[in-house]
Amino acid sequence: MPFPDMDEAEKRLSHPEPLTAEDARALFRWLGPLHHHLPRIQMDLALQQIEAVDRFNKASGRLTKLGMWLVGLQTFAALVALAISVISLLHK
């Protein structure tokens, strides 16, 4: 466990670098005595959530574009198949 006592937890919270998920889990047991640091903990976790949502949105956007290209390709293939069937019916 990264924070065996409250002093270690207090030292970690005094450093400005963002909390990792492991840090946040380890700090959970010290939240009562460290309640004066709660706004900072909430801010770090909120920023991590915003970053996760941004990464999800970027990945989702790429998948959406790929899906649109595939739908366009499928539509083109269907139109070609329709044109071939119409041409073959007209030549009979």
PDB file of N, CA and C in Angstrom:
ATOM      1  N   MET A   1       0.858  -1.189   0.000  1.00  0.00           N
ATOM      2  CA  MET A   1       0.000   0.000   0.000  1.00  0.00           C
ATOM      3  C   MET A   1       0.895   1.239   0.000  1.00  0.00           C
ATOM      4  N   PRO A   2       0.645   2.180  -0.895  1.00  0.00           N
ATOM      5  CA  PRO A   2       1.522   3.338  -1.025  1.00  0.00           C
ATOM      6  C   PRO A   2       1.517   4.289   0.171  1.00  0.00           C
ATOM      7  N   PHE A   3       0.447   4.338   0.939  1.00  0.00           N
ATOM      8  CA  PHE A   3       0.354   5.283   2.056  1.00  0.00           C
ATOM      9  C   PHE A   3       0.087   4.536   3.350  1.00  0.00           C
ATOM     10  N   PRO A   4       1.140   4.089   4.017  1.00  0.00           N
ATOM     11  CA  PRO A   4       0.948   3.311   5.240  1.00  0.00           C
ATOM     12  C   PRO A   4       0.400   4.146   6.397  1.00  0.00           C
ATOM     13  N   ASP A   5       0.594   5.463   6.322  1.00  0.00           N
ATOM     14  CA  ASP A   5       0.043   6.314   7.378  1.00  0.00           C
ATOM     15  C   ASP A   5      -0.427   7.635   6.784  1.00  0.00           C
ATOM     16  N   MET A   6      -1.088   8.415   7.610  1.00  0.00           N
ATOM     17  CA  MET A   6      -1.666   9.666   7.144  1.00  0.00           C
ATOM     18  C   MET A   6      -0.590  10.668   6.718  1.00  0.00           C
ATOM     19  N   ASP A   7       0.562  10.644   7.351  1.00  0.00           N
ATOM     20  CA  ASP A   7       1.632  11.577   6.979  1.00  0.00           C
ATOM     21  C   ASP A   7       2.093  11.344   5.537  1.00  0.00           C
ATOM     22  N   GLU A   8       2.205  10.074   5.146  1.00  0.00           N
ATOM     23  CA  GLU A   8       2.590   9.755   3.762  1.00  0.00           C
ATOM     24  C   GLU A   8       1.518  10.231   2.786  1.00  0.00           C
ATOM     25  N   ALA A   9       0.271  10.039   3.166  1.00  0.00           N
ATOM     26  CA  ALA A   9      -0.834  10.503   2.319  1.00  0.00           C
ATOM     27  C   ALA A   9      -0.798  12.025   2.204  1.00  0.00           C
ATOM     28  N   GLU A  10      -0.546  12.691   3.298  1.00  0.00           N
ATOM     29  CA  GLU A  10      -0.467  14.161   3.311  1.00  0.00           C
ATOM     30  C   GLU A  10       0.683  14.636   2.422  1.00  0.00           C
ATOM     31  N   LYS A  11       1.822  13.944   2.486  1.00  0.00           N
ATOM     32  CA  LYS A  11       2.969  14.311   1.634  1.00  0.00           C
ATOM     33  C   LYS A  11       2.614  14.174   0.167  1.00  0.00           C
ATOM     34  N   ARG A  12       1.911  13.076  -0.182  1.00  0.00           N
ATOM     35  CA  ARG A  12       1.543  12.877  -1.590  1.00  0.00           C
ATOM     36  C   ARG A  12       0.615  13.977  -2.068  1.00  0.00           C
ATOM     37  N   LEU A  13      -0.313  14.374  -1.228  1.00  0.00           N
ATOM     38  CA  LEU A  13      -1.252  15.421  -1.607  1.00  0.00           C
ATOM     39  C   LEU A  13      -0.592  16.790  -1.689  1.00  0.00           C
ATOM     40  N   SER A  14       0.566  16.950  -1.067  1.00  0.00           N
ATOM     41  CA  SER A  14       1.253  18.235  -1.144  1.00  0.00           C
ATOM     42  C   SER A  14       2.006  18.395  -2.471  1.00  0.00           C
ATOM     43  N   HIS A  15       2.221  17.285  -3.190  1.00  0.00           N
ATOM     44  CA  HIS A  15       2.880  17.366  -4.501  1.00  0.00           C
ATOM     45  C   HIS A  15       1.849  17.754  -5.565  1.00  0.00           C
ATOM     46  N   PRO A  16       2.221  18.627  -6.497  1.00  0.00           N
ATOM     47  CA  PRO A  16       1.239  19.129  -7.464  1.00  0.00           C
ATOM     48  C   PRO A  16       0.890  18.156  -8.601  1.00  0.00           C
ATOM     49  N   GLU A  17       1.690  17.106  -8.820  1.00  0.00           N
ATOM     50  CA  GLU A  17       1.373  16.230  -9.952  1.00  0.00           C
ATOM     51  C   GLU A  17       0.031  15.533  -9.724  1.00  0.00           C
ATOM     52  N   PRO A  18      -0.690  15.281 -10.834  1.00  0.00           N
ATOM     53  CA  PRO A  18      -2.021  14.681 -10.722  1.00  0.00           C
ATOM     54  C   PRO A  18      -1.971  13.316 -10.027  1.00  0.00           C
ATOM     55  N   LEU A  19      -3.042  13.012  -9.363  1.00  0.00           N
ATOM     56  CA  LEU A  19      -3.158  11.716  -8.687  1.00  0.00           C
ATOM     57  C   LEU A  19      -3.381  10.621  -9.725  1.00  0.00           C
ATOM     58  N   THR A  20      -2.776   9.491  -9.500  1.00  0.00           N
ATOM     59  CA  THR A  20      -3.059   8.331 -10.340  1.00  0.00           C
ATOM     60  C   THR A  20      -4.270   7.621  -9.755  1.00  0.00           C
ATOM     61  N   ALA A  21      -4.817   6.680 -10.519  1.00  0.00           N
ATOM     62  CA  ALA A  21      -5.953   5.911 -10.017  1.00  0.00           C
ATOM     63  C   ALA A  21      -5.534   5.130  -8.767  1.00  0.00           C
ATOM     64  N   GLU A  22      -4.310   4.626  -8.771  1.00  0.00           N
ATOM     65  CA  GLU A  22      -3.807   3.888  -7.599  1.00  0.00           C
ATOM     66  C   GLU A  22      -3.704   4.816  -6.387  1.00  0.00           C
ATOM     67  N   ASP A  23      -3.220   6.042  -6.607  1.00  0.00           N
ATOM     68  CA  ASP A  23      -3.144   7.019  -5.512  1.00  0.00           C
ATOM     69  C   ASP A  23      -4.534   7.274  -4.925  1.00  0.00           C
ATOM     70  N   ALA A  24      -5.505   7.470  -5.808  1.00  0.00           N
ATOM     71  CA  ALA A  24      -6.862   7.778  -5.350  1.00  0.00           C
ATOM     72  C   ALA A  24      -7.424   6.626  -4.521  1.00  0.00           C
ATOM     73  N   ARG A  25      -7.207   5.391  -4.997  1.00  0.00           N
ATOM     74  CA  ARG A  25      -7.682   4.235  -4.233  1.00  0.00           C
ATOM     75  C   ARG A  25      -6.997   4.157  -2.867  1.00  0.00           C
ATOM     76  N   ALA A  26      -5.688   4.418  -2.859  1.00  0.00           N
ATOM     77  CA  ALA A  26      -4.934   4.337  -1.601  1.00  0.00           C
ATOM     78  C   ALA A  26      -5.332   5.458  -0.635  1.00  0.00           C
ATOM     79  N   LEU A  27      -5.707   6.613  -1.163  1.00  0.00           N
ATOM     80  CA  LEU A  27      -6.100   7.740  -0.304  1.00  0.00           C
ATOM     81  C   LEU A  27      -7.488   7.560   0.291  1.00  0.00           C
ATOM     82  N   PHE A  28      -8.273   6.677  -0.283  1.00  0.00           N
ATOM     83  CA  PHE A  28      -9.658   6.524   0.153  1.00  0.00           C
ATOM     84  C   PHE A  28      -9.766   6.280   1.655  1.00  0.00           C
ATOM     85  N   ARG A  29      -8.889   5.467   2.177  1.00  0.00           N
ATOM     86  CA  ARG A  29      -8.990   5.157   3.613  1.00  0.00           C
ATOM     87  C   ARG A  29      -8.630   6.347   4.493  1.00  0.00           C
ATOM     88  N   TRP A  30      -7.959   7.347   3.934  1.00  0.00           N
ATOM     89  CA  TRP A  30      -7.553   8.524   4.716  1.00  0.00           C
ATOM     90  C   TRP A  30      -8.447   9.747   4.465  1.00  0.00           C
ATOM     91  N   LEU A  31      -9.544   9.572   3.742  1.00  0.00           N
ATOM     92  CA  LEU A  31     -10.373  10.731   3.396  1.00  0.00           C
ATOM     93  C   LEU A  31     -10.962  11.439   4.609  1.00  0.00           C
ATOM     94  N   GLY A  32     -11.294  10.722   5.641  1.00  0.00           N
ATOM     95  CA  GLY A  32     -11.840  11.369   6.844  1.00  0.00           C
ATOM     96  C   GLY A  32     -10.876  12.398   7.408  1.00  0.00           C
ATOM     97  N   PRO A  33      -9.671  11.973   7.813  1.00  0.00           N
ATOM     98  CA  PRO A  33      -8.723  12.940   8.378  1.00  0.00           C
ATOM     99  C   PRO A  33      -8.203  13.955   7.354  1.00  0.00           C
ATOM    100  N   LEU A  34      -8.248  13.618   6.081  1.00  0.00           N
ATOM    101  CA  LEU A  34      -7.707  14.517   5.054  1.00  0.00           C
ATOM    102  C   LEU A  34      -8.819  15.270   4.321  1.00  0.00           C
ATOM    103  N   HIS A  35      -9.951  15.455   4.974  1.00  0.00           N
ATOM    104  CA  HIS A  35     -11.090  16.090   4.311  1.00  0.00           C
ATOM    105  C   HIS A  35     -10.764  17.478   3.762  1.00  0.00           C
ATOM    106  N   HIS A  36      -9.784  18.160   4.329  1.00  0.00           N
ATOM    107  CA  HIS A  36      -9.422  19.496   3.822  1.00  0.00           C
ATOM    108  C   HIS A  36      -8.769  19.406   2.437  1.00  0.00           C
ATOM    109  N   HIS A  37      -8.329  18.210   2.028  1.00  0.00           N
ATOM    110  CA  HIS A  37      -7.762  18.016   0.689  1.00  0.00           C
ATOM    111  C   HIS A  37      -8.810  17.517  -0.311  1.00  0.00           C
ATOM    112  N   LEU A  38     -10.028  17.326   0.134  1.00  0.00           N
ATOM    113  CA  LEU A  38     -11.064  16.754  -0.716  1.00  0.00           C
ATOM    114  C   LEU A  38     -11.279  17.523  -2.018  1.00  0.00           C
ATOM    115  N   PRO A  39     -11.300  18.854  -2.024  1.00  0.00           N
ATOM    116  CA  PRO A  39     -11.471  19.552  -3.307  1.00  0.00           C
ATOM    117  C   PRO A  39     -10.369  19.216  -4.314  1.00  0.00           C
ATOM    118  N   ARG A  40      -9.144  19.096  -3.861  1.00  0.00           N
ATOM    119  CA  ARG A  40      -8.044  18.772  -4.761  1.00  0.00           C
ATOM    120  C   ARG A  40      -8.205  17.351  -5.314  1.00  0.00           C
ATOM    121  N   ILE A  41      -8.588  16.411  -4.446  1.00  0.00           N
ATOM    122  CA  ILE A  41      -8.796  15.027  -4.880  1.00  0.00           C
ATOM    123  C   ILE A  41      -9.929  14.967  -5.899  1.00  0.00           C
ATOM    124  N   GLN A  42     -11.023  15.666  -5.608  1.00  0.00           N
ATOM    125  CA  GLN A  42     -12.154  15.682  -6.539  1.00  0.00           C
ATOM    126  C   GLN A  42     -11.756  16.300  -7.867  1.00  0.00           C
ATOM    127  N   MET A  43     -10.959  17.360  -7.850  1.00  0.00           N
ATOM    128  CA  MET A  43     -10.535  18.009  -9.082  1.00  0.00           C
ATOM    129  C   MET A  43      -9.660  17.072  -9.918  1.00  0.00           C
ATOM    130  N   ASP A  44      -8.703  16.399  -9.281  1.00  0.00           N
ATOM    131  CA  ASP A  44      -7.848  15.472 -10.008  1.00  0.00           C
ATOM    132  C   ASP A  44      -8.663  14.357 -10.647  1.00  0.00           C
ATOM    133  N   LEU A  45      -9.600  13.806  -9.889  1.00  0.00           N
ATOM    134  CA  LEU A  45     -10.421  12.721 -10.419  1.00  0.00           C
ATOM    135  C   LEU A  45     -11.349  13.222 -11.525  1.00  0.00           C
ATOM    136  N   ALA A  46     -11.870  14.424 -11.387  1.00  0.00           N
ATOM    137  CA  ALA A  46     -12.715  14.995 -12.434  1.00  0.00           C
ATOM    138  C   ALA A  46     -11.916  15.212 -13.714  1.00  0.00           C
ATOM    139  N   LEU A  47     -10.687  15.689 -13.589  1.00  0.00           N
ATOM    140  CA  LEU A  47      -9.844  15.874 -14.771  1.00  0.00           C
ATOM    141  C   LEU A  47      -9.533  14.539 -15.441  1.00  0.00           C
ATOM    142  N   GLN A  48      -9.315  13.500 -14.650  1.00  0.00           N
ATOM    143  CA  GLN A  48      -9.085  12.169 -15.229  1.00  0.00           C
ATOM    144  C   GLN A  48     -10.322  11.685 -15.977  1.00  0.00           C
ATOM    145  N   GLN A  49     -11.497  11.960 -15.449  1.00  0.00           N
ATOM    146  CA  GLN A  49     -12.728  11.566 -16.126  1.00  0.00           C
ATOM    147  C   GLN A  49     -12.901  12.334 -17.432  1.00  0.00           C
ATOM    148  N   ILE A  50     -12.578  13.617 -17.423  1.00  0.00           N
ATOM    149  CA  ILE A  50     -12.681  14.420 -18.642  1.00  0.00           C
ATOM    150  C   ILE A  50     -11.729  13.881 -19.702  1.00  0.00           C
ATOM    151  N   GLU A  51     -10.501  13.539 -19.309  1.00  0.00           N
ATOM    152  CA  GLU A  51      -9.546  12.975 -20.248  1.00  0.00           C
ATOM    153  C   GLU A  51     -10.037  11.644 -20.810  1.00  0.00           C
ATOM    154  N   ALA A  52     -10.642  10.832 -19.963  1.00  0.00           N
ATOM    155  CA  ALA A  52     -11.167   9.540 -20.425  1.00  0.00           C
ATOM    156  C   ALA A  52     -12.307   9.752 -21.421  1.00  0.00           C
ATOM    157  N   VAL A  53     -13.178  10.707 -21.153  1.00  0.00           N
ATOM    158  CA  VAL A  53     -14.276  11.001 -22.074  1.00  0.00           C
ATOM    159  C   VAL A  53     -13.721  11.526 -23.402  1.00  0.00           C
ATOM    160  N   ASP A  54     -12.696  12.383 -23.355  1.00  0.00           N
ATOM    161  CA  ASP A  54     -12.080  12.890 -24.580  1.00  0.00           C
ATOM    162  C   ASP A  54     -11.477  11.760 -25.404  1.00  0.00           C
ATOM    163  N   ARG A  55     -10.776  10.827 -24.743  1.00  0.00           N
ATOM    164  CA  ARG A  55     -10.204   9.683 -25.468  1.00  0.00           C
ATOM    165  C   ARG A  55     -11.308   8.833 -26.082  1.00  0.00           C
ATOM    166  N   PHE A  56     -12.394   8.629 -25.341  1.00  0.00           N
ATOM    167  CA  PHE A  56     -13.523   7.863 -25.861  1.00  0.00           C
ATOM    168  C   PHE A  56     -14.136   8.561 -27.072  1.00  0.00           C
ATOM    169  N   ASN A  57     -14.303   9.874 -26.984  1.00  0.00           N
ATOM    170  CA  ASN A  57     -14.889  10.624 -28.102  1.00  0.00           C
ATOM    171  C   ASN A  57     -14.025  10.529 -29.349  1.00  0.00           C
ATOM    172  N   LYS A  58     -12.708  10.619 -29.194  1.00  0.00           N
ATOM    173  CA  LYS A  58     -11.821  10.509 -30.349  1.00  0.00           C
ATOM    174  C   LYS A  58     -11.915   9.127 -30.980  1.00  0.00           C
ATOM    175  N   ALA A  59     -11.886   8.094 -30.153  1.00  0.00           N
ATOM    176  CA  ALA A  59     -11.994   6.727 -30.667  1.00  0.00           C
ATOM    177  C   ALA A  59     -13.353   6.510 -31.314  1.00  0.00           C
ATOM    178  N   SER A  60     -14.393   7.030 -30.701  1.00  0.00           N
ATOM    179  CA  SER A  60     -15.738   6.897 -31.240  1.00  0.00           C
ATOM    180  C   SER A  60     -15.855   7.622 -32.580  1.00  0.00           C
ATOM    181  N   GLY A  61     -15.238   8.786 -32.689  1.00  0.00           N
ATOM    182  CA  GLY A  61     -15.264   9.535 -33.944  1.00  0.00           C
ATOM    183  C   GLY A  61     -14.582   8.776 -35.068  1.00  0.00           C
ATOM    184  N   ARG A  62     -13.456   8.139 -34.757  1.00  0.00           N
ATOM    185  CA  ARG A  62     -12.758   7.344 -35.774  1.00  0.00           C
ATOM    186  C   ARG A  62     -13.620   6.167 -36.215  1.00  0.00           C
ATOM    187  N   LEU A  63     -14.269   5.504 -35.270  1.00  0.00           N
ATOM    188  CA  LEU A  63     -15.130   4.379 -35.621  1.00  0.00           C
ATOM    189  C   LEU A  63     -16.336   4.836 -36.443  1.00  0.00           C
ATOM    190  N   THR A  64     -16.869   6.001 -36.118  1.00  0.00           N
ATOM    191  CA  THR A  64     -17.994   6.531 -36.876  1.00  0.00           C
ATOM    192  C   THR A  64     -17.590   6.800 -38.321  1.00  0.00           C
ATOM    193  N   LYS A  65     -16.411   7.410 -38.515  1.00  0.00           N
ATOM    194  CA  LYS A  65     -15.939   7.671 -39.878  1.00  0.00           C
ATOM    195  C   LYS A  65     -15.728   6.377 -40.639  1.00  0.00           C
ATOM    196  N   LEU A  66     -15.141   5.392 -39.985  1.00  0.00           N
ATOM    197  CA  LEU A  66     -14.932   4.100 -40.632  1.00  0.00           C
ATOM    198  C   LEU A  66     -16.269   3.473 -41.001  1.00  0.00           C
ATOM    199  N   GLY A  67     -17.236   3.547 -40.109  1.00  0.00           N
ATOM    200  CA  GLY A  67     -18.569   3.013 -40.383  1.00  0.00           C
ATOM    201  C   GLY A  67     -19.227   3.711 -41.561  1.00  0.00           C
ATOM    202  N   MET A  68     -19.053   5.024 -41.652  1.00  0.00           N
ATOM    203  CA  MET A  68     -19.636   5.767 -42.775  1.00  0.00           C
ATOM    204  C   MET A  68     -18.995   5.344 -44.097  1.00  0.00           C
ATOM    205  N   TRP A  69     -17.681   5.159 -44.083  1.00  0.00           N
ATOM    206  CA  TRP A  69     -16.996   4.700 -45.293  1.00  0.00           C
ATOM    207  C   TRP A  69     -17.493   3.311 -45.696  1.00  0.00           C
ATOM    208  N   LEU A  70     -17.665   2.435 -44.734  1.00  0.00           N
ATOM    209  CA  LEU A  70     -18.141   1.084 -45.037  1.00  0.00           C
ATOM    210  C   LEU A  70     -19.574   1.097 -45.567  1.00  0.00           C
ATOM    211  N   VAL A  71     -20.426   1.937 -45.008  1.00  0.00           N
ATOM    212  CA  VAL A  71     -21.794   2.060 -45.509  1.00  0.00           C
ATOM    213  C   VAL A  71     -21.773   2.603 -46.936  1.00  0.00           C
ATOM    214  N   GLY A  72     -20.917   3.579 -47.191  1.00  0.00           N
ATOM    215  CA  GLY A  72     -20.795   4.108 -48.551  1.00  0.00           C
ATOM    216  C   GLY A  72     -20.317   3.046 -49.520  1.00  0.00           C
ATOM    217  N   LEU A  73     -19.344   2.259 -49.119  1.00  0.00           N
ATOM    218  CA  LEU A  73     -18.844   1.179 -49.961  1.00  0.00           C
ATOM    219  C   LEU A  73     -19.922   0.129 -50.206  1.00  0.00           C
ATOM    220  N   GLN A  74     -20.678  -0.198 -49.189  1.00  0.00           N
ATOM    221  CA  GLN A  74     -21.764  -1.163 -49.327  1.00  0.00           C
ATOM    222  C   GLN A  74     -22.849  -0.627 -50.264  1.00  0.00           C
ATOM    223  N   THR A  75     -23.162   0.648 -50.149  1.00  0.00           N
ATOM    224  CA  THR A  75     -24.155   1.269 -51.030  1.00  0.00           C
ATOM    225  C   THR A  75     -23.672   1.233 -52.477  1.00  0.00           C
ATOM    226  N   PHE A  76     -22.395   1.566 -52.668  1.00  0.00           N
ATOM    227  CA  PHE A  76     -21.828   1.519 -54.018  1.00  0.00           C
ATOM    228  C   PHE A  76     -21.905   0.102 -54.589  1.00  0.00           C
ATOM    229  N   ALA A  77     -21.551  -0.898 -53.792  1.00  0.00           N
ATOM    230  CA  ALA A  77     -21.604  -2.291 -54.245  1.00  0.00           C
ATOM    231  C   ALA A  77     -23.040  -2.691 -54.577  1.00  0.00           C
ATOM    232  N   ALA A  78     -24.012  -2.244 -53.785  1.00  0.00           N
ATOM    233  CA  ALA A  78     -25.413  -2.558 -54.059  1.00  0.00           C
ATOM    234  C   ALA A  78     -25.870  -1.904 -55.355  1.00  0.00           C
ATOM    235  N   LEU A  79     -25.428  -0.668 -55.597  1.00  0.00           N
ATOM    236  CA  LEU A  79     -25.799   0.015 -56.848  1.00  0.00           C
ATOM    237  C   LEU A  79     -25.181  -0.673 -58.056  1.00  0.00           C
ATOM    238  N   VAL A  80     -23.943  -1.114 -57.921  1.00  0.00           N
ATOM    239  CA  VAL A  80     -23.294  -1.841 -59.026  1.00  0.00           C
ATOM    240  C   VAL A  80     -24.042  -3.143 -59.291  1.00  0.00           C
ATOM    241  N   ALA A  81     -24.399  -3.868 -58.226  1.00  0.00           N
ATOM    242  CA  ALA A  81     -25.143  -5.118 -58.399  1.00  0.00           C
ATOM    243  C   ALA A  81     -26.500  -4.864 -59.041  1.00  0.00           C
ATOM    244  N   LEU A  82     -27.165  -3.785 -58.640  1.00  0.00           N
ATOM    245  CA  LEU A  82     -28.454  -3.432 -59.231  1.00  0.00           C
ATOM    246  C   LEU A  82     -28.288  -3.088 -60.706  1.00  0.00           C
ATOM    247  N   ALA A  83     -27.256  -2.317 -61.033  1.00  0.00           N
ATOM    248  CA  ALA A  83     -27.013  -1.951 -62.435  1.00  0.00           C
ATOM    249  C   ALA A  83     -26.725  -3.199 -63.272  1.00  0.00           C
ATOM    250  N   ILE A  84     -25.948  -4.109 -62.744  1.00  0.00           N
ATOM    251  CA  ILE A  84     -25.638  -5.349 -63.478  1.00  0.00           C
ATOM    252  C   ILE A  84     -26.906  -6.167 -63.696  1.00  0.00           C
ATOM    253  N   SER A  85     -27.758  -6.259 -62.684  1.00  0.00           N
ATOM    254  CA  SER A  85     -28.988  -7.038 -62.847  1.00  0.00           C
ATOM    255  C   SER A  85     -29.940  -6.373 -63.835  1.00  0.00           C
ATOM    256  N   VAL A  86     -30.027  -5.043 -63.825  1.00  0.00           N
ATOM    257  CA  VAL A  86     -30.878  -4.334 -64.782  1.00  0.00           C
ATOM    258  C   VAL A  86     -30.349  -4.520 -66.202  1.00  0.00           C
ATOM    259  N   ILE A  87     -29.050  -4.403 -66.371  1.00  0.00           N
ATOM    260  CA  ILE A  87     -28.455  -4.592 -67.694  1.00  0.00           C
ATOM    261  C   ILE A  87     -28.671  -6.011 -68.186  1.00  0.00           C
ATOM    262  N   SER A  88     -28.542  -6.978 -67.306  1.00  0.00           N
ATOM    263  CA  SER A  88     -28.729  -8.376 -67.733  1.00  0.00           C
ATOM    264  C   SER A  88     -30.200  -8.640 -68.084  1.00  0.00           C
ATOM    265  N   LEU A  89     -31.151  -7.978 -67.387  1.00  0.00           N
ATOM    266  CA  LEU A  89     -32.570  -8.135 -67.747  1.00  0.00           C
ATOM    267  C   LEU A  89     -32.888  -7.481 -69.081  1.00  0.00           C
ATOM    268  N   LEU A  90     -32.241  -6.361 -69.381  1.00  0.00           N
ATOM    269  CA  LEU A  90     -32.503  -5.653 -70.626  1.00  0.00           C
ATOM    270  C   LEU A  90     -31.941  -6.400 -71.841  1.00  0.00           C
ATOM    271  N   HIS A  91     -30.913  -7.197 -71.632  1.00  0.00           N
ATOM    272  CA  HIS A  91     -30.293  -7.923 -72.751  1.00  0.00           C
ATOM    273  C   HIS A  91     -30.963  -9.274 -73.013  1.00  0.00           C
ATOM    274  N   LYS A  92     -31.940  -9.642 -72.260  1.00  0.00           N
ATOM    275  CA  LYS A  92     -32.624 -10.921 -72.479  1.00  0.00           C
ATOM    276  C   LYS A  92     -33.635 -10.825 -73.556  1.00  0.00           C
TER     277      LYS A  92
END
